[in-house]
Amino acid sequence: MKKLIKTIEYIKWKNLMLVASILVLASCTTDDAEEIQTDLDVINDETLLNARMLKTDEVINISSTGQGRKKADFELKLKGELTPPTIDDLPLQATSVSQKGKFLAISYNYAGAVYAGAIDLVTEELEVTSQLLAYADINELEFYANSLYFVGGSDRLEKPAFAAKIDFDSGKGQFKSGGTVFEEVGSFTANSVTEFGGVIYVTTGDDMSTGGGIYRFNSSMNLDNYEAIEDARWVEGSGSKIYCVSGDPSTISVFDRNNLEIKEKIEHSAKTLPESKQTIDIDDKKIFVAGGEQGVLVYDMDGKLISNLKFDDNSITNAVSAEKGRLFISNGEGGVYVATYDDDDVEIIGKLELGNNESVNHILLHDDYLYVASGLGGVKMIEIDD
């Protein structure tokens, strides 16, 4: 167990990189940014889009792994599967999912040297109503009001990493052509975005010398703050603080949400691969960390390790999603596991029998649904029935 490091001084890069971030903001109206917006394509042909959706009502079993004593007190039903789109005949892979109200958004990128991606907009009835195609990898996305914020990378930009937003008509369920704003950020790609208190927080990976760290935008995508962080992987908000996990060094940086003043750093014991996905989630005064080879690391809000879930099949945990005492765990090619938690304990129930060997990139637990993004396998929409 590693100790909590308190009272951290401002990183010496702060003033230098804040100036750099202002320059980045100024560069966002360049021809490069305009080019990527010109190349965007919005498709609203629902017949065409829904040809990729398969609706079903299939029970998903949870197999015991022998690691826990509890049994599930709920049933899982596969309600829909959406296969990924293509762009210029390039097969895209599902990277992330966001859900708000009656809409679900799914992001895609291309696993190769070419930058290509897409976003699907899906209703709660599992109807695909709109799609955005872009010459950009889209790694993560987040709803706020009638806009969708998304991040990734594109060779159309001088600095590949970007943060962007597109407006949509919530009545029609369609993206608005021309309602897109792109902002360049530092590093080679942006890997996570979250909205918290009406403010947009974005992380970019790699080292601080290339602009890696956390960026704070208002809802109009005007940059108002930046803090350099080494190898930033994911960002979440809770209470008055913003939490950002780094892969190397293995830390969670805790910031004041109002000004990105760093308050403390929590050392974690995750072992992840370079440039790999690593998410965190916060619920019930617990911080759940995708720990790579270390499985799932669970900390209290003071940084004390209270549980470590490891898996007998040597799975690599890349994403976690927790809500209302349930924790779903993405282990890449190792599949999806489920656990339960309360004030005193975190315990594995078992592994979801999803019937394929696809590598899971992301999971989202929201209300009574679980969404599983499985790369080239697309996205599975799973209902949780109590």
Protein backbone atom coordinates (compact mmCIF):
# COMPACT_ATOMS: atom_id res chain seq x y z
CA MET A 1 0.00 0.00 0.00
CA LYS A 2 1.43 3.33 -0.95
CA LYS A 3 1.01 6.47 1.07
CA LEU A 4 -0.95 9.57 0.28
CA ILE A 5 1.20 12.50 -0.73
CA LYS A 6 -0.29 15.72 0.57
CA THR A 7 0.34 19.45 0.10
CA ILE A 8 1.83 19.28 -3.37
CA GLU A 9 3.40 22.49 -4.68
CA TYR A 10 2.51 23.73 -8.11
CA ILE A 11 4.38 21.91 -10.83
CA LYS A 12 7.26 24.04 -12.11
CA TRP A 13 5.90 23.75 -15.62
CA LYS A 14 2.71 25.60 -14.70
CA ASN A 15 3.50 29.11 -15.90
CA LEU A 16 5.33 27.95 -19.01
CA MET A 17 2.65 25.51 -20.06
CA LEU A 18 -0.21 27.89 -19.28
CA VAL A 19 1.34 30.33 -21.77
CA ALA A 20 1.66 27.44 -24.22
CA SER A 21 -2.01 26.59 -23.75
CA ILE A 22 -3.01 30.13 -24.64
CA LEU A 23 -0.97 29.81 -27.83
CA VAL A 24 -2.71 26.51 -28.56
CA LEU A 25 -6.07 28.23 -28.15
CA ALA A 26 -5.01 30.98 -30.54
CA SER A 27 -4.02 28.38 -33.15
CA CYS A 28 -7.42 26.74 -33.15
CA THR A 29 -8.80 29.02 -35.83
CA THR A 30 -6.12 27.97 -38.35
CA ASP A 31 -6.77 26.49 -41.77
CA ASP A 32 -6.04 23.05 -40.28
CA ALA A 33 -8.95 23.31 -37.85
CA GLU A 34 -11.20 24.57 -40.63
CA GLU A 35 -10.10 21.68 -42.88
CA ILE A 36 -11.13 18.99 -40.42
CA GLN A 37 -14.53 20.63 -39.99
CA THR A 38 -15.00 20.79 -43.77
CA ASP A 39 -14.31 17.05 -44.01
CA LEU A 40 -17.02 16.12 -41.48
CA ASP A 41 -20.01 14.25 -42.83
CA VAL A 42 -23.38 14.00 -41.04
CA ILE A 43 -25.70 11.15 -42.06
CA ASN A 44 -29.35 11.13 -41.00
CA ASP A 45 -30.61 8.23 -43.15
CA GLU A 46 -32.15 6.08 -40.40
CA THR A 47 -32.84 3.15 -42.71
CA LEU A 48 -29.18 2.99 -43.65
CA LEU A 49 -27.96 3.53 -40.09
CA ASN A 50 -30.25 0.95 -38.49
CA ALA A 51 -29.13 -1.80 -40.85
CA ARG A 52 -26.24 -2.20 -38.40
CA MET A 53 -28.49 -2.64 -35.34
CA LEU A 54 -29.63 -6.09 -34.22
CA LYS A 55 -32.35 -6.07 -31.57
CA THR A 56 -32.76 -9.11 -29.36
CA ASP A 57 -33.92 -10.22 -25.91
CA GLU A 58 -31.30 -12.77 -24.99
CA VAL A 59 -30.41 -13.68 -21.39
CA ILE A 60 -26.73 -13.29 -20.54
CA ASN A 61 -25.48 -15.75 -17.96
CA ILE A 62 -22.84 -14.95 -15.36
CA SER A 63 -20.38 -17.77 -14.86
CA SER A 64 -18.77 -18.25 -11.47
CA THR A 65 -15.01 -17.87 -11.41
CA GLY A 66 -14.60 -19.39 -7.97
CA GLN A 67 -13.22 -16.12 -6.65
CA GLY A 68 -16.36 -14.95 -4.85
CA ARG A 69 -19.13 -16.40 -2.74
CA LYS A 70 -21.96 -14.09 -3.81
CA LYS A 71 -24.46 -14.76 -6.57
CA ALA A 72 -26.10 -12.15 -8.75
CA ASP A 73 -29.46 -10.87 -7.51
CA PHE A 74 -30.27 -9.47 -10.95
CA GLU A 75 -30.70 -10.70 -14.52
CA LEU A 76 -28.88 -9.45 -17.61
CA LYS A 77 -30.58 -9.30 -21.01
CA LEU A 78 -28.90 -8.41 -24.28
CA LYS A 79 -31.29 -5.94 -25.93
CA GLY A 80 -29.24 -4.80 -28.89
CA GLU A 81 -25.94 -5.08 -30.76
CA LEU A 82 -24.62 -2.35 -33.04
CA THR A 83 -21.81 -3.24 -35.44
CA PRO A 84 -19.25 -0.52 -36.22
CA PRO A 85 -19.50 1.63 -39.34
CA THR A 86 -16.81 1.98 -42.01
CA ILE A 87 -15.25 5.08 -43.55
CA ASP A 88 -13.61 4.78 -46.97
CA ASP A 89 -13.91 0.99 -46.51
CA LEU A 90 -11.85 1.17 -43.30
CA PRO A 91 -13.39 -0.92 -40.49
CA LEU A 92 -13.81 1.20 -37.38
CA GLN A 93 -13.79 -0.03 -33.79
CA ALA A 94 -15.97 1.07 -30.87
CA THR A 95 -13.98 3.02 -28.29
CA SER A 96 -16.40 4.60 -25.83
CA VAL A 97 -20.03 5.15 -24.84
CA SER A 98 -21.88 8.04 -23.20
CA GLN A 99 -25.52 8.17 -22.16
CA LYS A 100 -27.79 10.99 -21.06
CA GLY A 101 -31.58 11.14 -20.98
CA LYS A 102 -33.02 9.29 -23.94
CA PHE A 103 -29.82 9.35 -26.01
CA LEU A 104 -26.77 7.14 -26.24
CA ALA A 105 -23.61 8.16 -28.12
CA ILE A 106 -20.92 5.76 -29.33
CA SER A 107 -17.45 6.74 -30.54
CA TYR A 108 -15.20 4.90 -32.98
CA ASN A 109 -11.66 5.06 -34.28
CA TYR A 110 -9.44 3.13 -36.68
CA ALA A 111 -6.71 0.82 -35.40
CA GLY A 112 -3.99 1.81 -37.84
CA ALA A 113 -1.88 4.64 -39.20
CA VAL A 114 -4.88 6.33 -40.84
CA TYR A 115 -6.96 8.73 -38.77
CA ALA A 116 -10.66 7.88 -39.14
CA GLY A 117 -13.61 7.78 -36.79
CA ALA A 118 -17.31 8.20 -36.23
CA ILE A 119 -20.04 8.88 -33.68
CA ASP A 120 -23.45 7.19 -33.63
CA LEU A 121 -26.42 8.81 -31.91
CA VAL A 122 -28.89 6.19 -30.61
CA THR A 123 -32.26 6.59 -28.86
CA GLU A 124 -33.45 4.68 -25.81
CA GLU A 125 -35.55 2.57 -28.21
CA LEU A 126 -32.22 1.51 -29.77
CA GLU A 127 -32.85 3.40 -33.00
CA VAL A 128 -29.78 4.93 -34.67
CA THR A 129 -30.91 8.40 -35.71
CA SER A 130 -27.74 10.23 -36.74
CA GLN A 131 -24.07 9.68 -37.48
CA LEU A 132 -20.95 11.82 -37.71
CA LEU A 133 -18.04 10.63 -39.88
CA ALA A 134 -14.63 12.27 -39.55
CA TYR A 135 -11.02 11.89 -40.62
CA ALA A 136 -10.11 11.73 -36.96
CA ASP A 137 -9.75 9.07 -34.29
CA ILE A 138 -12.50 9.63 -31.72
CA ASN A 139 -11.50 8.14 -28.39
CA GLU A 140 -14.09 9.34 -25.89
CA LEU A 141 -17.19 11.49 -25.65
CA GLU A 142 -19.58 13.12 -23.19
CA PHE A 143 -23.02 14.73 -23.34
CA TYR A 144 -23.82 18.15 -21.93
CA ALA A 145 -27.04 20.06 -22.67
CA ASN A 146 -27.74 19.70 -26.42
CA SER A 147 -24.10 19.18 -27.33
CA LEU A 148 -21.78 16.22 -27.51
CA TYR A 149 -18.15 16.76 -26.57
CA PHE A 150 -15.55 14.41 -28.03
CA VAL A 151 -11.77 14.03 -28.10
CA GLY A 152 -9.13 12.27 -30.15
CA GLY A 153 -6.47 12.91 -32.77
CA SER A 154 -6.22 13.82 -36.45
CA ASP A 155 -3.43 14.40 -38.97
CA ARG A 156 -5.53 17.26 -40.36
CA LEU A 157 -4.25 19.31 -37.40
CA GLU A 158 -0.78 20.69 -36.75
CA LYS A 159 -0.97 19.20 -33.26
CA PRO A 160 -2.86 15.90 -33.69
CA ALA A 161 -4.71 16.02 -30.35
CA PHE A 162 -8.04 17.84 -30.26
CA ALA A 163 -11.14 18.51 -28.19
CA ALA A 164 -14.40 19.23 -30.00
CA LYS A 165 -18.13 19.59 -29.68
CA ILE A 166 -21.05 19.09 -32.01
CA ASP A 167 -24.59 20.32 -31.39
CA PHE A 168 -27.60 18.08 -31.95
CA ASP A 169 -31.35 18.51 -32.20
CA SER A 170 -32.78 16.62 -29.24
CA GLY A 171 -36.23 16.60 -30.82
CA LYS A 172 -35.14 14.94 -34.07
CA GLY A 173 -32.18 13.14 -32.60
CA GLN A 174 -29.89 14.49 -35.31
CA PHE A 175 -26.50 16.14 -35.39
CA LYS A 176 -26.50 19.68 -36.73
CA SER A 177 -24.36 20.23 -39.79
CA GLY A 178 -22.02 23.12 -39.18
CA GLY A 179 -22.55 23.04 -35.42
CA THR A 180 -19.05 21.76 -34.68
CA VAL A 181 -16.13 23.40 -32.88
CA PHE A 182 -12.60 21.93 -32.88
CA GLU A 183 -9.84 23.06 -30.52
CA GLU A 184 -6.27 21.80 -30.74
CA VAL A 185 -4.67 20.66 -27.50
CA GLY A 186 -1.18 19.45 -26.68
CA SER A 187 0.31 15.99 -27.20
CA PHE A 188 -0.48 13.39 -29.84
CA THR A 189 -4.01 12.41 -28.85
CA ALA A 190 -6.69 13.36 -26.35
CA ASN A 191 -7.93 10.32 -24.46
CA SER A 192 -10.76 11.34 -22.11
CA VAL A 193 -13.38 14.02 -21.55
CA THR A 194 -15.88 14.66 -18.79
CA GLU A 195 -18.43 17.35 -18.01
CA PHE A 196 -18.66 18.39 -14.38
CA GLY A 197 -20.62 21.37 -13.15
CA GLY A 198 -21.08 22.71 -16.67
CA VAL A 199 -17.32 22.68 -17.29
CA ILE A 200 -15.52 20.41 -19.76
CA TYR A 201 -12.31 18.65 -18.67
CA VAL A 202 -10.05 16.94 -21.22
CA THR A 203 -6.91 14.84 -20.77
CA THR A 204 -4.10 14.26 -23.24
CA GLY A 205 -1.42 11.63 -22.79
CA ASP A 206 2.34 11.47 -23.30
CA ASP A 207 4.74 13.73 -21.42
CA MET A 208 4.36 17.31 -20.26
CA SER A 209 6.87 18.66 -22.79
CA THR A 210 4.39 18.00 -25.60
CA GLY A 211 1.43 19.50 -23.74
CA GLY A 212 0.19 16.38 -22.00
CA GLY A 213 -2.10 17.02 -19.04
CA ILE A 214 -5.56 18.26 -18.18
CA TYR A 215 -7.40 21.06 -20.01
CA ARG A 216 -10.38 22.98 -18.67
CA PHE A 217 -12.89 24.46 -21.16
CA ASN A 218 -16.17 26.25 -20.72
CA SER A 219 -19.20 24.81 -22.51
CA SER A 220 -18.47 26.97 -25.58
CA MET A 221 -15.04 25.30 -25.84
CA ASN A 222 -13.03 28.32 -24.72
CA LEU A 223 -9.93 27.20 -22.84
CA ASP A 224 -9.62 28.79 -19.41
CA ASN A 225 -7.03 26.62 -17.66
CA TYR A 226 -4.42 23.92 -18.12
CA GLU A 227 -2.28 21.82 -15.80
CA ALA A 228 0.62 19.69 -16.98
CA ILE A 229 0.45 16.02 -15.95
CA GLU A 230 2.67 13.16 -17.01
CA ASP A 231 0.92 10.34 -18.93
CA ALA A 232 -2.66 11.44 -18.12
CA ARG A 233 -5.15 8.67 -18.93
CA TRP A 234 -8.63 9.56 -17.58
CA VAL A 235 -10.53 12.28 -15.73
CA GLU A 236 -13.56 12.20 -13.40
CA GLY A 237 -15.23 14.73 -11.10
CA SER A 238 -16.64 14.29 -7.61
CA GLY A 239 -17.68 16.86 -5.03
CA SER A 240 -15.41 19.89 -5.25
CA LYS A 241 -12.55 18.01 -6.90
CA ILE A 242 -11.34 16.67 -10.23
CA TYR A 243 -9.48 13.36 -10.31
CA CYS A 244 -7.00 12.49 -13.06
CA VAL A 245 -5.27 9.12 -13.26
CA SER A 246 -1.78 8.72 -14.75
CA GLY A 247 -0.16 5.52 -15.92
CA ASP A 248 3.49 6.42 -15.38
CA PRO A 249 4.06 7.63 -12.75
CA SER A 250 1.24 5.63 -11.15
CA THR A 251 -0.71 8.46 -9.51
CA ILE A 252 -4.13 10.04 -9.19
CA SER A 253 -3.82 13.83 -9.25
CA VAL A 254 -6.56 15.60 -7.29
CA PHE A 255 -7.44 19.16 -8.32
CA ASP A 256 -9.71 21.93 -7.12
CA ARG A 257 -12.50 21.96 -9.71
CA ASN A 258 -12.62 25.78 -9.81
CA ASN A 259 -9.04 26.59 -10.72
CA LEU A 260 -7.20 23.27 -11.28
CA GLU A 261 -5.01 23.97 -8.27
CA ILE A 262 -3.49 20.64 -7.35
CA LYS A 263 -4.45 19.56 -3.85
CA GLU A 264 -2.88 16.14 -3.45
CA LYS A 265 -1.60 13.08 -5.25
CA ILE A 266 -2.54 9.52 -4.51
CA GLU A 267 0.00 6.89 -5.46
CA HIS A 268 -1.58 3.73 -6.86
CA SER A 269 -0.04 0.36 -7.61
CA ALA A 270 -1.50 -0.25 -11.09
CA LYS A 271 0.71 -1.88 -13.70
CA THR A 272 -0.38 -0.81 -17.18
CA LEU A 273 1.11 -0.89 -20.65
CA PRO A 274 2.42 2.33 -22.24
CA GLU A 275 -0.27 4.30 -24.09
CA SER A 276 -2.97 1.87 -22.95
CA LYS A 277 -6.44 2.71 -21.71
CA GLN A 278 -6.91 3.17 -17.97
CA THR A 279 -10.10 4.55 -16.47
CA ILE A 280 -11.27 5.40 -12.98
CA ASP A 281 -14.74 5.78 -11.52
CA ILE A 282 -15.97 7.27 -8.25
CA ASP A 283 -19.02 6.14 -6.29
CA ASP A 284 -20.05 5.71 -2.66
CA LYS A 285 -16.90 7.46 -1.41
CA LYS A 286 -14.71 4.98 -3.25
CA ILE A 287 -12.24 5.45 -6.12
CA PHE A 288 -12.18 2.47 -8.49
CA VAL A 289 -9.02 2.25 -10.59
CA ALA A 290 -8.46 0.02 -13.61
CA GLY A 291 -5.13 -1.44 -12.58
CA GLY A 292 -3.93 -3.33 -15.65
CA GLU A 293 -2.11 -6.46 -14.43
CA GLN A 294 -3.20 -5.58 -10.89
CA GLY A 295 -6.90 -5.95 -11.68
CA VAL A 296 -9.08 -3.41 -9.88
CA LEU A 297 -7.72 -1.19 -7.13
CA VAL A 298 -10.25 0.37 -4.75
CA TYR A 299 -9.28 3.35 -2.59
CA ASP A 300 -11.15 5.47 -0.10
CA MET A 301 -11.26 9.21 -0.70
CA ASP A 302 -8.15 9.69 1.46
CA GLY A 303 -6.10 7.42 -0.76
CA LYS A 304 -6.09 4.33 1.43
CA LEU A 305 -6.22 1.04 -0.48
CA ILE A 306 -9.25 -0.88 0.77
CA SER A 307 -9.50 -3.67 -1.81
CA ASN A 308 -7.64 -5.22 -4.75
CA LEU A 309 -9.57 -7.51 -7.11
CA LYS A 310 -7.27 -9.76 -9.13
CA PHE A 311 -8.27 -12.30 -11.74
CA ASP A 312 -7.13 -15.90 -12.04
CA ASP A 313 -6.90 -15.73 -15.84
CA ASN A 314 -4.23 -12.98 -15.74
CA SER A 315 -6.59 -10.50 -17.39
CA ILE A 316 -5.51 -6.90 -17.99
CA THR A 317 -8.11 -4.50 -16.57
CA ASN A 318 -8.54 -1.37 -18.71
CA ALA A 319 -11.88 0.10 -17.60
CA VAL A 320 -14.29 0.13 -14.65
CA SER A 321 -17.81 1.46 -14.15
CA ALA A 322 -19.51 1.59 -10.75
CA GLU A 323 -23.02 2.54 -9.66
CA LYS A 324 -25.37 1.64 -6.82
CA GLY A 325 -23.28 -1.15 -5.36
CA ARG A 326 -22.45 -2.80 -8.69
CA LEU A 327 -19.07 -2.72 -10.38
CA PHE A 328 -18.53 -3.85 -13.97
CA ILE A 329 -14.97 -4.50 -15.09
CA SER A 330 -13.50 -4.53 -18.60
CA ASN A 331 -10.55 -6.89 -18.99
CA GLY A 332 -9.86 -6.46 -22.69
CA GLU A 333 -9.60 -9.90 -24.31
CA GLY A 334 -10.42 -11.37 -20.89
CA GLY A 335 -14.02 -10.14 -21.17
CA VAL A 336 -16.32 -8.42 -18.68
CA TYR A 337 -16.63 -9.22 -14.98
CA VAL A 338 -19.12 -8.02 -12.38
CA ALA A 339 -18.62 -7.41 -8.67
CA THR A 340 -20.62 -5.93 -5.83
CA TYR A 341 -19.54 -3.46 -3.18
CA ASP A 342 -20.81 -1.96 0.06
CA ASP A 343 -19.29 0.01 2.92
CA ASP A 344 -17.12 -2.90 4.01
CA ASP A 345 -16.40 -5.16 1.07
CA VAL A 346 -15.86 -5.52 -2.68
CA GLU A 347 -16.41 -9.02 -4.07
CA ILE A 348 -16.36 -10.59 -7.54
CA ILE A 349 -19.58 -12.33 -8.63
CA GLY A 350 -18.42 -13.74 -11.94
CA LYS A 351 -17.82 -13.25 -15.65
CA LEU A 352 -20.42 -12.31 -18.26
CA GLU A 353 -20.91 -14.99 -20.93
CA LEU A 354 -20.94 -12.73 -23.97
CA GLY A 355 -20.28 -15.49 -26.46
CA ASN A 356 -17.30 -14.04 -28.29
CA ASN A 357 -13.60 -13.44 -27.98
CA GLU A 358 -13.68 -9.75 -28.82
CA SER A 359 -11.48 -7.37 -26.89
CA VAL A 360 -13.49 -4.99 -24.71
CA ASN A 361 -12.33 -1.37 -24.92
CA HIS A 362 -14.82 0.34 -22.64
CA ILE A 363 -17.86 -0.21 -20.43
CA LEU A 364 -20.51 2.12 -19.07
CA LEU A 365 -23.00 1.33 -16.32
CA HIS A 366 -25.84 3.85 -16.30
CA ASP A 367 -29.16 3.40 -14.49
CA ASP A 368 -30.49 -0.01 -15.57
CA TYR A 369 -28.23 -0.50 -18.58
CA LEU A 370 -24.71 -1.75 -19.21
CA TYR A 371 -22.99 -0.77 -22.46
CA VAL A 372 -20.01 -2.80 -23.66
CA ALA A 373 -17.75 -1.35 -26.40
CA SER A 374 -15.92 -4.29 -27.96
CA GLY A 375 -13.75 -2.74 -30.65
CA LEU A 376 -14.46 -4.38 -34.03
CA GLY A 377 -17.34 -6.23 -32.34
CA GLY A 378 -19.22 -2.96 -31.87
CA VAL A 379 -21.41 -2.23 -28.85
CA LYS A 380 -23.69 -4.43 -26.80
CA MET A 381 -26.65 -2.85 -24.98
CA ILE A 382 -27.51 -4.91 -21.90
CA GLU A 383 -30.53 -4.39 -19.66
CA ILE A 384 -30.18 -5.02 -15.92
CA ASP A 385 -33.39 -6.46 -14.47
CA ASP A 386 -33.78 -6.59 -10.69
